[in-house]
Amino acid sequence: MNHPTKVITGPRTVFSYLTVNEPRIPLRGGKPRYSASLIIPKGDTKTVEKIRAAIRMTILILPHPGAEFQKSQKPVHKSASC
């Protein structure tokens, strides 16, 4: 079974500005974070739609900031937009 937030990109997709080994502090300060930019060919609409669907699913699965719930509770969201 596929995981709803996992996306396998097309063969011509390229990662740019990849920060996955250690989190980096943003230029304007703040908490260190991991990041990556994807360069996807314009014609690869299938990969773009898969990524958008994974983002929408992640929004549904993860609790929103400030939400109060215990580990035994499942977060519930009524709608999401990407």
Protein backbone atom coordinates (compact mmCIF):
# COMPACT_ATOMS: atom_id res chain seq x y z
CA MET A 1 0.00 0.00 0.00
CA ASN A 2 1.30 3.45 -0.89
CA HIS A 3 1.67 6.11 1.79
CA PRO A 4 -0.61 9.08 0.96
CA THR A 5 2.14 11.66 1.52
CA LYS A 6 4.92 9.85 -0.35
CA VAL A 7 5.71 11.04 -3.89
CA ILE A 8 8.15 9.49 -6.33
CA THR A 9 9.16 12.24 -8.71
CA GLY A 10 9.73 11.94 -12.44
CA PRO A 11 13.17 11.06 -13.83
CA ARG A 12 13.96 14.65 -14.84
CA THR A 13 13.15 16.26 -11.47
CA VAL A 14 16.17 17.91 -9.82
CA PHE A 15 16.72 18.88 -6.17
CA SER A 16 18.21 22.33 -5.64
CA TYR A 17 19.39 24.04 -2.44
CA LEU A 18 19.14 20.73 -0.60
CA THR A 19 19.56 20.94 3.19
CA VAL A 20 18.90 17.49 4.65
CA ASN A 21 22.01 16.55 6.67
CA GLU A 22 21.76 19.37 9.19
CA PRO A 23 19.12 22.06 9.62
CA ARG A 24 20.21 25.52 8.50
CA ILE A 25 19.35 28.84 10.16
CA PRO A 26 17.40 31.08 7.75
CA LEU A 27 19.10 34.29 6.56
CA ARG A 28 16.70 36.45 8.53
CA GLY A 29 17.03 34.33 11.68
CA GLY A 30 14.62 31.93 13.26
CA LYS A 31 14.62 28.24 14.02
CA PRO A 32 16.99 26.04 12.00
CA ARG A 33 15.13 23.97 9.41
CA TYR A 34 15.60 21.34 6.76
CA SER A 35 14.66 22.34 3.23
CA ALA A 36 14.81 21.50 -0.46
CA SER A 37 13.68 23.06 -3.70
CA LEU A 38 12.48 20.93 -6.59
CA ILE A 39 12.93 21.83 -10.23
CA ILE A 40 10.24 19.99 -12.18
CA PRO A 41 9.91 20.19 -15.98
CA LYS A 42 6.85 22.20 -17.06
CA GLY A 43 5.42 19.24 -18.96
CA ASP A 44 5.50 16.92 -15.92
CA THR A 45 2.04 17.85 -14.64
CA LYS A 46 1.57 14.34 -13.23
CA THR A 47 4.39 14.84 -10.67
CA VAL A 48 3.14 18.33 -9.75
CA GLU A 49 -0.37 17.00 -9.10
CA LYS A 50 1.02 14.14 -6.96
CA ILE A 51 2.97 16.66 -4.87
CA ARG A 52 -0.10 18.89 -4.44
CA ALA A 53 -2.19 15.88 -3.38
CA ALA A 54 0.48 14.86 -0.84
CA ILE A 55 0.51 18.39 0.58
CA ARG A 56 -3.29 18.37 0.90
CA MET A 57 -3.16 14.97 2.64
CA THR A 58 -0.44 16.17 5.03
CA ILE A 59 -2.60 19.14 6.00
CA LEU A 60 -5.45 16.73 6.77
CA ILE A 61 -3.29 14.31 8.75
CA LEU A 62 -1.22 16.71 10.88
CA PRO A 63 -2.75 18.81 13.63
CA HIS A 64 -2.73 22.54 13.03
CA PRO A 65 -0.53 24.77 15.24
CA GLY A 66 -2.16 25.47 18.58
CA ALA A 67 -4.48 22.48 18.35
CA GLU A 68 -5.09 20.75 21.63
CA PHE A 69 -5.21 16.99 21.39
CA GLN A 70 -3.79 14.07 23.29
CA LYS A 71 -1.74 11.28 21.76
CA SER A 72 -4.78 8.99 21.87
CA GLN A 73 -6.88 11.45 19.86
CA LYS A 74 -6.82 11.70 16.09
CA PRO A 75 -6.77 15.22 14.63
CA VAL A 76 -9.84 16.15 12.62
CA HIS A 77 -9.83 18.78 9.88
CA LYS A 78 -12.86 19.56 7.77
CA SER A 79 -11.21 21.12 4.75
CA ALA A 80 -7.82 21.87 3.26
CA SER A 81 -6.57 23.86 0.35
CA CYS A 82 -3.22 23.82 -1.35
